[in-house]
Amino acid sequence: MFKRTHYTEVRATVKIVYPVLIKVRAYTRIRFGKVEKVRSHYRRYWGIEK
């Protein structure tokens, strides 16, 4: 009697999420009826590697 072997394939995709810093230029905005100056800063953006 022969043994039957079953082969199965398992594929796993892993997506890596990492923060990317994007530079934001200085600008002015109006809050509460007043003009504010916003300095340049870095904004965190969560990029996805495929």
PDB file of N, CA and C in Angstrom:
ATOM      1  N   MET A   1       0.841  -1.182   0.000  1.00  0.00           N
ATOM      2  CA  MET A   1       0.000   0.000   0.000  1.00  0.00           C
ATOM      3  C   MET A   1       0.894   1.257   0.000  1.00  0.00           C
ATOM      4  N   PHE A   2       0.565   2.226  -0.872  1.00  0.00           N
ATOM      5  CA  PHE A   2       1.362   3.441  -0.998  1.00  0.00           C
ATOM      6  C   PHE A   2       0.769   4.562  -0.151  1.00  0.00           C
ATOM      7  N   LYS A   3       1.653   5.378   0.409  1.00  0.00           N
ATOM      8  CA  LYS A   3       1.188   6.545   1.164  1.00  0.00           C
ATOM      9  C   LYS A   3       1.015   7.700   0.204  1.00  0.00           C
ATOM     10  N   ARG A   4      -0.052   8.410   0.325  1.00  0.00           N
ATOM     11  CA  ARG A   4      -0.288   9.595  -0.501  1.00  0.00           C
ATOM     12  C   ARG A   4       0.179  10.833   0.253  1.00  0.00           C
ATOM     13  N   THR A   5       0.926  11.640  -0.430  1.00  0.00           N
ATOM     14  CA  THR A   5       1.385  12.880   0.199  1.00  0.00           C
ATOM     15  C   THR A   5       0.686  14.047  -0.475  1.00  0.00           C
ATOM     16  N   HIS A   6       0.221  14.973   0.326  1.00  0.00           N
ATOM     17  CA  HIS A   6      -0.455  16.167  -0.176  1.00  0.00           C
ATOM     18  C   HIS A   6       0.477  17.358   0.019  1.00  0.00           C
ATOM     19  N   TYR A   7       0.701  18.068  -1.069  1.00  0.00           N
ATOM     20  CA  TYR A   7       1.549  19.250  -1.001  1.00  0.00           C
ATOM     21  C   TYR A   7       0.660  20.484  -1.065  1.00  0.00           C
ATOM     22  N   THR A   8       0.810  21.347  -0.098  1.00  0.00           N
ATOM     23  CA  THR A   8       0.057  22.602  -0.106  1.00  0.00           C
ATOM     24  C   THR A   8       1.042  23.756  -0.111  1.00  0.00           C
ATOM     25  N   GLU A   9       0.647  24.813  -0.748  1.00  0.00           N
ATOM     26  CA  GLU A   9       1.499  25.991  -0.837  1.00  0.00           C
ATOM     27  C   GLU A   9       0.869  27.110  -0.030  1.00  0.00           C
ATOM     28  N   VAL A  10       1.683  27.737   0.817  1.00  0.00           N
ATOM     29  CA  VAL A  10       1.206  28.836   1.640  1.00  0.00           C
ATOM     30  C   VAL A  10       2.011  30.074   1.273  1.00  0.00           C
ATOM     31  N   ARG A  11       1.302  31.113   0.881  1.00  0.00           N
ATOM     32  CA  ARG A  11       1.960  32.373   0.550  1.00  0.00           C
ATOM     33  C   ARG A  11       1.472  33.445   1.515  1.00  0.00           C
ATOM     34  N   ALA A  12       2.411  34.181   2.058  1.00  0.00           N
ATOM     35  CA  ALA A  12       2.060  35.266   2.979  1.00  0.00           C
ATOM     36  C   ALA A  12       2.700  36.547   2.464  1.00  0.00           C
ATOM     37  N   THR A  13       1.892  37.561   2.348  1.00  0.00           N
ATOM     38  CA  THR A  13       2.428  38.860   1.946  1.00  0.00           C
ATOM     39  C   THR A  13       2.490  39.748   3.179  1.00  0.00           C
ATOM     40  N   VAL A  14       3.624  40.357   3.383  1.00  0.00           N
ATOM     41  CA  VAL A  14       3.830  41.218   4.540  1.00  0.00           C
ATOM     42  C   VAL A  14       4.025  42.639   4.036  1.00  0.00           C
ATOM     43  N   LYS A  15       3.189  43.527   4.492  1.00  0.00           N
ATOM     44  CA  LYS A  15       3.321  44.929   4.123  1.00  0.00           C
ATOM     45  C   LYS A  15       3.951  45.678   5.286  1.00  0.00           C
ATOM     46  N   ILE A  16       4.979  46.423   4.978  1.00  0.00           N
ATOM     47  CA  ILE A  16       5.694  47.173   6.004  1.00  0.00           C
ATOM     48  C   ILE A  16       5.212  48.618   5.965  1.00  0.00           C
ATOM     49  N   VAL A  17       4.749  49.102   7.095  1.00  0.00           N
ATOM     50  CA  VAL A  17       4.286  50.486   7.187  1.00  0.00           C
ATOM     51  C   VAL A  17       5.321  51.255   7.991  1.00  0.00           C
ATOM     52  N   TYR A  18       5.816  52.343   7.432  1.00  0.00           N
ATOM     53  CA  TYR A  18       6.852  53.107   8.105  1.00  0.00           C
ATOM     54  C   TYR A  18       6.566  54.595   7.928  1.00  0.00           C
ATOM     55  N   PRO A  19       6.935  55.416   8.893  1.00  0.00           N
ATOM     56  CA  PRO A  19       6.689  56.852   8.774  1.00  0.00           C
ATOM     57  C   PRO A  19       7.715  57.531   7.867  1.00  0.00           C
ATOM     58  N   VAL A  20       7.225  58.437   7.041  1.00  0.00           N
ATOM     59  CA  VAL A  20       8.081  59.231   6.167  1.00  0.00           C
ATOM     60  C   VAL A  20       7.879  60.684   6.564  1.00  0.00           C
ATOM     61  N   LEU A  21       8.968  61.426   6.693  1.00  0.00           N
ATOM     62  CA  LEU A  21       8.855  62.831   7.056  1.00  0.00           C
ATOM     63  C   LEU A  21       8.824  63.683   5.796  1.00  0.00           C
ATOM     64  N   ILE A  22       7.784  64.511   5.683  1.00  0.00           N
ATOM     65  CA  ILE A  22       7.614  65.402   4.548  1.00  0.00           C
ATOM     66  C   ILE A  22       7.729  66.824   5.057  1.00  0.00           C
ATOM     67  N   LYS A  23       8.542  67.641   4.402  1.00  0.00           N
ATOM     68  CA  LYS A  23       8.733  69.017   4.843  1.00  0.00           C
ATOM     69  C   LYS A  23       7.563  69.875   4.382  1.00  0.00           C
ATOM     70  N   VAL A  24       6.999  70.639   5.322  1.00  0.00           N
ATOM     71  CA  VAL A  24       5.894  71.553   5.043  1.00  0.00           C
ATOM     72  C   VAL A  24       6.448  72.963   5.087  1.00  0.00           C
ATOM     73  N   ARG A  25       6.194  73.724   4.041  1.00  0.00           N
ATOM     74  CA  ARG A  25       6.695  75.099   3.997  1.00  0.00           C
ATOM     75  C   ARG A  25       5.870  76.007   4.903  1.00  0.00           C
ATOM     76  N   ALA A  26       6.453  77.132   5.280  1.00  0.00           N
ATOM     77  CA  ALA A  26       5.759  78.088   6.150  1.00  0.00           C
ATOM     78  C   ALA A  26       4.581  78.713   5.398  1.00  0.00           C
ATOM     79  N   TYR A  27       3.512  78.994   6.132  1.00  0.00           N
ATOM     80  CA  TYR A  27       2.328  79.601   5.530  1.00  0.00           C
ATOM     81  C   TYR A  27       1.568  80.363   6.603  1.00  0.00           C
ATOM     82  N   THR A  28       0.559  81.122   6.193  1.00  0.00           N
ATOM     83  CA  THR A  28      -0.292  81.835   7.152  1.00  0.00           C
ATOM     84  C   THR A  28      -1.693  81.256   7.075  1.00  0.00           C
ATOM     85  N   ARG A  29      -2.360  81.251   8.208  1.00  0.00           N
ATOM     86  CA  ARG A  29      -3.736  80.757   8.250  1.00  0.00           C
ATOM     87  C   ARG A  29      -4.557  81.660   9.157  1.00  0.00           C
ATOM     88  N   ILE A  30      -5.854  81.553   9.018  1.00  0.00           N
ATOM     89  CA  ILE A  30      -6.761  82.359   9.838  1.00  0.00           C
ATOM     90  C   ILE A  30      -7.478  81.413  10.795  1.00  0.00           C
ATOM     91  N   ARG A  31      -7.269  81.662  12.099  1.00  0.00           N
ATOM     92  CA  ARG A  31      -7.959  80.886  13.132  1.00  0.00           C
ATOM     93  C   ARG A  31      -8.601  81.845  14.108  1.00  0.00           C
ATOM     94  N   PHE A  32      -9.860  81.605  14.400  1.00  0.00           N
ATOM     95  CA  PHE A  32     -10.611  82.422  15.354  1.00  0.00           C
ATOM     96  C   PHE A  32     -10.610  83.893  14.947  1.00  0.00           C
ATOM     97  N   GLY A  33     -10.621  84.155  13.635  1.00  0.00           N
ATOM     98  CA  GLY A  33     -10.652  85.521  13.141  1.00  0.00           C
ATOM     99  C   GLY A  33      -9.330  86.255  13.189  1.00  0.00           C
ATOM    100  N   LYS A  34      -8.242  85.571  13.526  1.00  0.00           N
ATOM    101  CA  LYS A  34      -6.919  86.183  13.584  1.00  0.00           C
ATOM    102  C   LYS A  34      -5.990  85.486  12.600  1.00  0.00           C
ATOM    103  N   VAL A  35      -5.025  86.246  12.108  1.00  0.00           N
ATOM    104  CA  VAL A  35      -4.046  85.688  11.173  1.00  0.00           C
ATOM    105  C   VAL A  35      -2.869  85.132  11.966  1.00  0.00           C
ATOM    106  N   GLU A  36      -2.533  83.865  11.712  1.00  0.00           N
ATOM    107  CA  GLU A  36      -1.415  83.213  12.388  1.00  0.00           C
ATOM    108  C   GLU A  36      -0.344  82.863  11.374  1.00  0.00           C
ATOM    109  N   LYS A  37       0.902  82.953  11.785  1.00  0.00           N
ATOM    110  CA  LYS A  37       2.010  82.493  10.958  1.00  0.00           C
ATOM    111  C   LYS A  37       2.373  81.085  11.415  1.00  0.00           C
ATOM    112  N   VAL A  38       2.438  80.178  10.472  1.00  0.00           N
ATOM    113  CA  VAL A  38       2.831  78.800  10.774  1.00  0.00           C
ATOM    114  C   VAL A  38       4.230  78.598  10.231  1.00  0.00           C
ATOM    115  N   ARG A  39       5.137  78.163  11.104  1.00  0.00           N
ATOM    116  CA  ARG A  39       6.517  77.964  10.689  1.00  0.00           C
ATOM    117  C   ARG A  39       6.648  76.685   9.854  1.00  0.00           C
ATOM    118  N   SER A  40       7.750  76.591   9.139  1.00  0.00           N
ATOM    119  CA  SER A  40       7.992  75.361   8.381  1.00  0.00           C
ATOM    120  C   SER A  40       8.281  74.236   9.375  1.00  0.00           C
ATOM    121  N   HIS A  41       7.811  73.061   9.047  1.00  0.00           N
ATOM    122  CA  HIS A  41       7.978  71.920   9.934  1.00  0.00           C
ATOM    123  C   HIS A  41       7.905  70.646   9.097  1.00  0.00           C
ATOM    124  N   TYR A  42       8.112  69.531   9.762  1.00  0.00           N
ATOM    125  CA  TYR A  42       8.021  68.229   9.102  1.00  0.00           C
ATOM    126  C   TYR A  42       6.735  67.550   9.532  1.00  0.00           C
ATOM    127  N   ARG A  43       6.051  66.956   8.567  1.00  0.00           N
ATOM    128  CA  ARG A  43       4.812  66.237   8.842  1.00  0.00           C
ATOM    129  C   ARG A  43       5.076  64.754   8.627  1.00  0.00           C
ATOM    130  N   ARG A  44       4.526  63.954   9.522  1.00  0.00           N
ATOM    131  CA  ARG A  44       4.710  62.512   9.421  1.00  0.00           C
ATOM    132  C   ARG A  44       3.655  61.940   8.479  1.00  0.00           C
ATOM    133  N   TYR A  45       4.102  61.140   7.508  1.00  0.00           N
ATOM    134  CA  TYR A  45       3.201  60.488   6.563  1.00  0.00           C
ATOM    135  C   TYR A  45       3.499  59.001   6.625  1.00  0.00           C
ATOM    136  N   TRP A  46       2.478  58.195   6.800  1.00  0.00           N
ATOM    137  CA  TRP A  46       2.677  56.750   6.912  1.00  0.00           C
ATOM    138  C   TRP A  46       2.632  56.137   5.525  1.00  0.00           C
ATOM    139  N   GLY A  47       3.823  55.868   4.987  1.00  0.00           N
ATOM    140  CA  GLY A  47       3.929  55.259   3.665  1.00  0.00           C
ATOM    141  C   GLY A  47       3.823  53.752   3.760  1.00  0.00           C
ATOM    142  N   ILE A  48       3.459  53.130   2.665  1.00  0.00           N
ATOM    143  CA  ILE A  48       3.320  51.675   2.634  1.00  0.00           C
ATOM    144  C   ILE A  48       4.259  51.122   1.571  1.00  0.00           C
ATOM    145  N   GLU A  49       5.078  50.191   1.963  1.00  0.00           N
ATOM    146  CA  GLU A  49       5.970  49.539   1.011  1.00  0.00           C
ATOM    147  C   GLU A  49       5.263  48.316   0.464  1.00  0.00           C
ATOM    148  N   LYS A  50       5.283  48.172  -0.843  1.00  0.00           N
ATOM    149  CA  LYS A  50       4.574  47.036  -1.458  1.00  0.00           C
ATOM    150  C   LYS A  50       5.507  45.898  -1.752  1.00  0.00           C
TER     151      LYS A  50
END
